[in-house]
């Protein structure tokens, strides 16, 4: 079973929809990478940034209302195409 299938099963088992879901990503502290992550979300998302101590990485936390587990998986799949991204 792949990671997305496992996550979908967990989300469907434990959540009622719609819900506010919190995404966390770490990317290199490069404006283009940050912009790509922010583009995963719509204007209603609340997005926070936190720089690492070294300043080489940015932690991005985004909270957005999601309609289904499939919508959450879709965000993670789109994020996986961003080079050097870590999803938490």
N, C-alpha and C. Protein backbone atom coordinates (compact mmCIF):
# COMPACT_ATOMS: atom_id res chain seq x y z
N UNK A 1 0.85 -1.18 0.00
CA UNK A 1 0.00 0.00 0.00
C UNK A 1 0.89 1.24 0.00
N UNK A 2 0.62 2.17 -0.92
CA UNK A 2 1.46 3.37 -0.97
C UNK A 2 1.07 4.36 0.13
N UNK A 3 1.90 5.37 0.31
CA UNK A 3 1.71 6.36 1.36
C UNK A 3 0.37 7.09 1.22
N UNK A 4 0.01 7.46 0.01
CA UNK A 4 -1.23 8.21 -0.20
C UNK A 4 -2.46 7.36 0.12
N UNK A 5 -2.43 6.10 -0.23
CA UNK A 5 -3.56 5.21 0.06
C UNK A 5 -3.72 5.05 1.57
N UNK A 6 -2.62 4.88 2.25
CA UNK A 6 -2.64 4.74 3.71
C UNK A 6 -3.16 6.01 4.37
N UNK A 7 -2.68 7.17 3.92
CA UNK A 7 -3.14 8.43 4.48
C UNK A 7 -4.63 8.63 4.23
N UNK A 8 -5.09 8.33 3.03
CA UNK A 8 -6.51 8.48 2.70
C UNK A 8 -7.37 7.63 3.62
N UNK A 9 -6.96 6.40 3.86
CA UNK A 9 -7.73 5.52 4.76
C UNK A 9 -7.78 6.11 6.17
N UNK A 10 -6.66 6.62 6.66
CA UNK A 10 -6.63 7.21 8.00
C UNK A 10 -7.52 8.45 8.07
N UNK A 11 -7.46 9.29 7.07
CA UNK A 11 -8.28 10.50 7.06
C UNK A 11 -9.77 10.15 7.00
N UNK A 12 -10.13 9.21 6.16
CA UNK A 12 -11.53 8.82 6.03
C UNK A 12 -12.07 8.17 7.31
N UNK A 13 -11.21 7.48 8.03
CA UNK A 13 -11.63 6.79 9.24
C UNK A 13 -11.81 7.74 10.43
N UNK A 14 -11.08 8.84 10.44
CA UNK A 14 -11.04 9.67 11.64
C UNK A 14 -11.61 11.08 11.50
N UNK A 15 -12.09 11.46 10.36
CA UNK A 15 -12.48 12.84 10.13
C UNK A 15 -13.90 12.96 9.60
N UNK A 16 -14.51 14.09 9.94
CA UNK A 16 -15.79 14.46 9.36
C UNK A 16 -15.53 15.65 8.45
N UNK A 17 -16.20 15.68 7.32
CA UNK A 17 -15.91 16.67 6.28
C UNK A 17 -17.02 17.69 6.18
N UNK A 18 -16.71 18.91 5.76
CA UNK A 18 -15.38 19.50 5.56
C UNK A 18 -14.69 19.77 6.89
N UNK A 19 -13.39 19.99 6.84
CA UNK A 19 -12.61 20.28 8.04
C UNK A 19 -11.43 21.16 7.69
N UNK A 20 -10.90 21.83 8.70
CA UNK A 20 -9.69 22.62 8.51
C UNK A 20 -8.51 21.69 8.73
N UNK A 21 -7.67 21.56 7.71
CA UNK A 21 -6.53 20.65 7.76
C UNK A 21 -5.25 21.47 7.79
N UNK A 22 -4.29 21.01 8.57
CA UNK A 22 -3.00 21.71 8.68
C UNK A 22 -1.93 20.93 7.90
N UNK A 23 -1.35 21.59 6.93
CA UNK A 23 -0.25 21.05 6.14
C UNK A 23 1.05 21.66 6.64
N UNK A 24 2.12 20.86 6.66
CA UNK A 24 3.44 21.38 7.04
C UNK A 24 4.45 20.89 6.01
N UNK A 25 5.24 21.84 5.53
CA UNK A 25 6.28 21.55 4.56
C UNK A 25 7.55 22.27 4.95
N UNK A 26 8.68 21.70 4.55
CA UNK A 26 9.98 22.36 4.70
C UNK A 26 10.60 22.43 3.31
N UNK A 27 11.07 23.63 2.95
CA UNK A 27 11.71 23.83 1.65
C UNK A 27 12.96 24.67 1.85
N UNK A 28 13.89 24.61 0.88
CA UNK A 28 15.02 25.52 0.93
C UNK A 28 14.52 26.97 0.94
N UNK A 29 15.25 27.84 1.60
CA UNK A 29 14.85 29.24 1.73
C UNK A 29 15.11 29.99 0.42
N UNK A 30 14.34 29.61 -0.59
CA UNK A 30 14.43 30.22 -1.91
C UNK A 30 13.04 30.72 -2.27
N UNK A 31 12.95 31.94 -2.74
CA UNK A 31 11.65 32.56 -3.01
C UNK A 31 10.80 31.73 -3.98
N UNK A 32 11.41 31.13 -4.99
CA UNK A 32 10.63 30.35 -5.95
C UNK A 32 10.02 29.11 -5.30
N UNK A 33 10.76 28.47 -4.41
CA UNK A 33 10.23 27.28 -3.71
C UNK A 33 9.08 27.67 -2.78
N UNK A 34 9.26 28.77 -2.06
CA UNK A 34 8.22 29.25 -1.15
C UNK A 34 6.96 29.58 -1.94
N UNK A 35 7.12 30.25 -3.08
CA UNK A 35 5.98 30.61 -3.92
C UNK A 35 5.25 29.38 -4.45
N UNK A 36 6.00 28.35 -4.81
CA UNK A 36 5.37 27.11 -5.30
C UNK A 36 4.53 26.45 -4.21
N UNK A 37 5.03 26.45 -2.99
CA UNK A 37 4.26 25.86 -1.88
C UNK A 37 3.02 26.70 -1.62
N UNK A 38 3.16 28.01 -1.57
CA UNK A 38 2.01 28.87 -1.31
C UNK A 38 0.95 28.72 -2.40
N UNK A 39 1.37 28.44 -3.62
CA UNK A 39 0.43 28.28 -4.74
C UNK A 39 -0.41 27.01 -4.63
N UNK A 40 -0.05 26.12 -3.73
CA UNK A 40 -0.85 24.91 -3.51
C UNK A 40 -2.19 25.22 -2.85
N UNK A 41 -2.31 26.42 -2.27
CA UNK A 41 -3.47 26.78 -1.46
C UNK A 41 -4.20 27.97 -2.05
N UNK A 42 -5.48 28.10 -1.69
CA UNK A 42 -6.24 29.23 -2.21
C UNK A 42 -6.13 30.43 -1.27
N UNK A 43 -6.81 31.50 -1.61
CA UNK A 43 -6.72 32.75 -0.84
C UNK A 43 -7.29 32.64 0.57
N UNK A 44 -8.08 31.62 0.84
CA UNK A 44 -8.68 31.45 2.17
C UNK A 44 -7.75 30.74 3.15
N UNK A 45 -6.64 30.25 2.67
CA UNK A 45 -5.70 29.53 3.55
C UNK A 45 -4.96 30.52 4.44
N UNK A 46 -4.65 30.06 5.65
CA UNK A 46 -3.79 30.80 6.56
C UNK A 46 -2.41 30.17 6.47
N UNK A 47 -1.41 30.97 6.11
CA UNK A 47 -0.08 30.43 5.87
C UNK A 47 0.93 31.13 6.78
N UNK A 48 1.74 30.31 7.45
CA UNK A 48 2.79 30.81 8.34
C UNK A 48 4.14 30.32 7.85
N UNK A 49 5.17 31.15 8.05
CA UNK A 49 6.55 30.79 7.69
C UNK A 49 7.41 30.85 8.94
N UNK A 50 8.37 29.95 9.01
CA UNK A 50 9.36 30.01 10.09
C UNK A 50 10.70 29.61 9.51
N UNK A 51 11.66 30.49 9.67
CA UNK A 51 13.00 30.25 9.14
C UNK A 51 13.78 29.35 10.09
N UNK A 52 14.60 28.47 9.52
CA UNK A 52 15.47 27.63 10.35
C UNK A 52 16.56 28.49 10.98
N UNK A 53 17.19 27.97 12.01
CA UNK A 53 18.28 28.72 12.67
C UNK A 53 19.38 29.12 11.70
N UNK A 54 19.69 28.22 10.81
CA UNK A 54 20.77 28.49 9.85
C UNK A 54 20.31 29.42 8.72
N UNK A 55 19.00 29.57 8.55
CA UNK A 55 18.46 30.40 7.48
C UNK A 55 18.43 29.71 6.13
N UNK A 56 18.79 28.44 6.10
CA UNK A 56 18.83 27.71 4.83
C UNK A 56 17.47 27.13 4.44
N UNK A 57 16.57 26.98 5.41
CA UNK A 57 15.28 26.35 5.15
C UNK A 57 14.15 27.19 5.73
N UNK A 58 12.96 26.98 5.16
CA UNK A 58 11.75 27.63 5.65
C UNK A 58 10.73 26.54 5.93
N UNK A 59 10.13 26.61 7.10
CA UNK A 59 9.01 25.74 7.44
C UNK A 59 7.74 26.51 7.08
N UNK A 60 6.87 25.87 6.31
CA UNK A 60 5.62 26.50 5.90
C UNK A 60 4.47 25.68 6.46
N UNK A 61 3.63 26.34 7.23
CA UNK A 61 2.43 25.71 7.78
C UNK A 61 1.24 26.40 7.14
N UNK A 62 0.34 25.62 6.58
CA UNK A 62 -0.85 26.17 5.94
C UNK A 62 -2.08 25.47 6.50
N UNK A 63 -3.07 26.27 6.88
CA UNK A 63 -4.34 25.74 7.35
C UNK A 63 -5.41 26.15 6.34
N UNK A 64 -6.14 25.14 5.86
CA UNK A 64 -7.17 25.41 4.86
C UNK A 64 -8.32 24.44 5.05
N UNK A 65 -9.53 24.92 4.80
CA UNK A 65 -10.69 24.04 4.87
C UNK A 65 -10.68 23.13 3.64
N UNK A 66 -10.80 21.85 3.91
CA UNK A 66 -10.76 20.85 2.84
C UNK A 66 -12.10 20.11 2.82
N UNK A 67 -12.56 19.78 1.63
CA UNK A 67 -13.86 19.14 1.47
C UNK A 67 -13.82 17.62 1.62
N UNK A 68 -12.65 17.02 1.37
CA UNK A 68 -12.56 15.56 1.42
C UNK A 68 -11.10 15.13 1.57
N UNK A 69 -10.93 13.86 1.89
CA UNK A 69 -9.58 13.31 1.97
C UNK A 69 -8.90 13.35 0.60
N UNK A 70 -9.67 13.21 -0.45
CA UNK A 70 -9.11 13.27 -1.81
C UNK A 70 -8.51 14.63 -2.10
N UNK A 71 -9.12 15.69 -1.58
CA UNK A 71 -8.58 17.04 -1.77
C UNK A 71 -7.23 17.19 -1.07
N UNK A 72 -7.12 16.60 0.10
CA UNK A 72 -5.85 16.64 0.85
C UNK A 72 -4.77 15.88 0.10
N UNK A 73 -5.10 14.70 -0.38
CA UNK A 73 -4.14 13.89 -1.14
C UNK A 73 -3.70 14.64 -2.40
N UNK A 74 -4.63 15.34 -3.03
CA UNK A 74 -4.31 16.11 -4.24
C UNK A 74 -3.24 17.17 -3.94
N UNK A 75 -3.36 17.85 -2.81
CA UNK A 75 -2.36 18.86 -2.42
C UNK A 75 -1.00 18.18 -2.23
N UNK A 76 -0.98 17.07 -1.51
CA UNK A 76 0.30 16.37 -1.28
C UNK A 76 0.92 15.88 -2.59
N UNK A 77 0.11 15.40 -3.52
CA UNK A 77 0.65 14.94 -4.80
C UNK A 77 1.23 16.10 -5.59
N UNK A 78 0.55 17.24 -5.59
CA UNK A 78 1.08 18.42 -6.28
C UNK A 78 2.37 18.88 -5.61
N UNK A 79 2.40 18.84 -4.28
CA UNK A 79 3.60 19.26 -3.55
C UNK A 79 4.79 18.36 -3.85
N UNK A 80 4.54 17.09 -4.09
CA UNK A 80 5.64 16.14 -4.33
C UNK A 80 6.42 16.48 -5.59
N UNK A 81 5.88 17.30 -6.46
CA UNK A 81 6.60 17.69 -7.68
C UNK A 81 7.57 18.85 -7.43
N UNK A 82 7.53 19.44 -6.22
CA UNK A 82 8.43 20.55 -5.89
C UNK A 82 9.77 19.97 -5.41
N UNK A 83 10.82 20.37 -6.08
CA UNK A 83 12.15 19.84 -5.77
C UNK A 83 12.58 20.19 -4.35
N UNK A 84 13.12 19.19 -3.64
CA UNK A 84 13.67 19.34 -2.29
C UNK A 84 12.65 19.68 -1.21
N UNK A 85 11.39 19.37 -1.44
CA UNK A 85 10.36 19.61 -0.44
C UNK A 85 10.28 18.43 0.52
N UNK A 86 10.01 18.72 1.78
CA UNK A 86 9.76 17.68 2.78
C UNK A 86 8.37 17.95 3.33
N UNK A 87 7.51 16.95 3.27
CA UNK A 87 6.16 17.07 3.84
C UNK A 87 6.18 16.41 5.21
N UNK A 88 5.61 17.09 6.17
CA UNK A 88 5.58 16.55 7.53
C UNK A 88 4.17 16.10 7.88
